[in-house]
Protein backbone atom coordinates (compact mmCIF):
# COMPACT_ATOMS: atom_id res chain seq x y z
CA MET A 1 0.11 0.52 0.07
CA LYS A 2 2.70 2.41 1.04
CA ASP A 3 4.15 1.62 -2.02
CA ILE A 4 0.99 2.84 -4.65
CA LEU A 5 0.82 5.51 -2.47
CA ILE A 6 4.30 6.95 -3.31
CA GLN A 7 4.36 5.97 -6.95
CA ILE A 8 1.11 8.23 -7.21
CA LEU A 9 2.27 10.81 -4.77
CA VAL A 10 5.61 11.51 -6.10
CA PRO A 11 4.00 11.84 -10.07
CA ILE A 12 1.52 14.06 -8.94
CA LEU A 13 3.86 16.24 -6.31
CA THR A 14 5.89 16.30 -9.64
CA ALA A 15 3.13 17.58 -12.22
CA ILE A 16 2.08 19.91 -9.02
CA VAL A 17 5.70 22.11 -8.88
CA SER A 18 6.88 21.87 -12.29
CA PHE A 19 2.88 23.48 -13.07
CA PHE A 20 3.58 26.39 -10.20
CA SER A 21 7.03 27.08 -12.13
CA ALA A 22 6.18 27.11 -15.33
CA THR A 23 3.07 29.49 -14.09
CA TYR A 24 6.29 31.75 -12.10
CA LYS A 25 8.23 32.10 -15.32
CA SER A 26 5.43 32.80 -17.45
CA LYS A 27 3.97 36.03 -15.51
CA ILE A 28 7.58 36.77 -15.36
CA ASP A 29 8.70 36.07 -19.61
CA LEU A 30 4.81 38.07 -19.68
CA LYS A 31 6.19 41.36 -17.87
CA LYS A 32 9.20 41.37 -19.60
CA GLN A 33 7.63 41.17 -23.17
CA ILE A 34 5.01 44.05 -21.97
CA GLN A 35 8.04 45.96 -21.05
CA ILE A 36 9.79 45.19 -24.12
CA ASN A 37 6.04 46.69 -26.25
CA ASN A 38 6.53 49.02 -24.07
CA THR A 39 9.10 50.31 -25.07
CA GLU A 40 8.91 49.43 -28.90
CA ILE A 41 5.12 51.91 -28.55
CA LYS A 42 7.13 54.48 -27.26
CA LYS A 43 9.53 54.37 -29.84
CA ILE A 44 7.28 54.18 -32.40
CA LYS A 45 5.23 57.35 -30.41
CA GLU A 46 8.59 60.06 -30.87
CA GLN A 47 9.08 58.76 -34.30
CA TYR A 48 5.52 59.43 -35.12
CA SER A 49 6.14 62.94 -33.54
CA LYS A 50 9.15 63.75 -35.22
CA GLU A 51 7.78 62.38 -38.58
CA ILE A 52 4.93 64.97 -37.89
CA GLU A 53 7.22 68.03 -37.27
CA LYS A 54 8.47 67.27 -40.88
CA ILE A 55 5.27 67.09 -42.52
CA LYS A 56 3.79 70.16 -40.81
CA ILE A 57 7.28 72.07 -41.97
CA GLN A 58 6.74 71.10 -45.79
CA MET A 59 3.99 72.07 -46.05
CA ASP A 60 5.05 75.30 -44.36
CA LYS A 61 7.11 75.84 -46.87
CA GLN A 62 5.31 74.54 -49.66
CA SER A 63 2.65 76.92 -48.82
CA GLU A 64 5.08 79.77 -49.07
CA LEU A 65 6.26 79.19 -52.06
CA TYR A 66 2.70 78.60 -53.48
CA GLU A 67 2.28 82.18 -52.12
CA LYS A 68 5.56 83.31 -53.83
CA ASN A 69 4.51 81.81 -56.99
CA ALA A 70 1.21 83.42 -56.65
CA GLN A 71 2.07 86.90 -55.95
CA THR A 72 4.90 86.70 -59.16
CA ASP A 73 1.77 85.15 -61.59
CA VAL A 74 -0.21 87.60 -60.08
CA VAL A 75 2.81 90.25 -60.70
CA LYS A 76 3.38 89.04 -64.33
CA ASN A 77 -0.24 89.41 -65.29
CA PHE A 78 -0.08 92.86 -64.31
CA PHE A 79 2.26 93.69 -66.23
CA ASN A 80 2.00 91.69 -69.38
CA LYS A 81 -1.62 93.44 -69.07
CA MET A 82 0.38 97.31 -69.03
CA MET A 83 2.58 96.04 -71.85
CA GLU A 84 -0.81 95.36 -74.27
CA ASP A 85 -2.85 98.73 -72.93
CA PRO A 86 -0.85 101.11 -71.19
CA ALA A 87 -3.72 103.53 -70.83
CA GLY A 88 -5.76 100.16 -69.04
CA ALA A 89 -3.06 99.19 -66.87
CA MET A 90 -3.80 103.58 -65.53
CA SER A 91 -6.92 102.82 -66.15
CA PHE A 92 -6.67 100.12 -63.22
CA VAL A 93 -3.96 101.99 -60.93
CA ASN A 94 -6.23 104.99 -60.51
CA ASN A 95 -8.33 103.02 -59.70
CA MET A 96 -7.21 100.96 -57.19
CA THR A 97 -5.65 104.26 -55.72
CA GLU A 98 -9.31 105.93 -55.64
CA ILE A 99 -10.53 102.73 -53.78
CA SER A 100 -7.71 102.67 -51.34
CA ASN A 101 -7.90 106.42 -50.15
CA ARG A 102 -11.72 105.55 -50.09
CA MET A 103 -11.37 102.60 -47.35
CA ASP A 104 -8.79 105.07 -45.71
CA LYS A 105 -11.53 107.49 -45.70
CA THR A 106 -13.88 105.40 -44.46
CA ASN A 107 -11.44 103.79 -41.41
CA ASN A 108 -10.91 107.05 -39.76
CA ARG A 109 -14.24 107.62 -39.84
CA ASN A 110 -14.98 104.61 -37.84
CA ARG A 111 -12.35 105.52 -36.05
CA TYR A 112 -13.71 108.76 -34.59
CA LYS A 113 -16.73 107.22 -34.32
CA LYS A 114 -15.66 104.72 -32.14
CA ARG A 115 -13.91 107.19 -29.39
């Protein structure tokens, strides 16, 4: 009877010890993997932030370039029209000057009314 109990208890105890040992080892491995993953996530977030900043800078530079090109095109078109019809261009400049003067007068009146 003792031999049968020993033959049954030894493997059961060995299995229980193996189970707890494997469980403990897997918990430690899981914690290590979680730390590794968190570190990787931080790296990816930092890289993402840097890439976003680079893209913002590129977009700002590109919009400035488009704006400069648009201004150049407006000036170019104006001078082309001026070469084709100088009287019409001078009339346009005079009209724009008159509009600007009217706007200045209106702004000055509004300033005095607010006071």
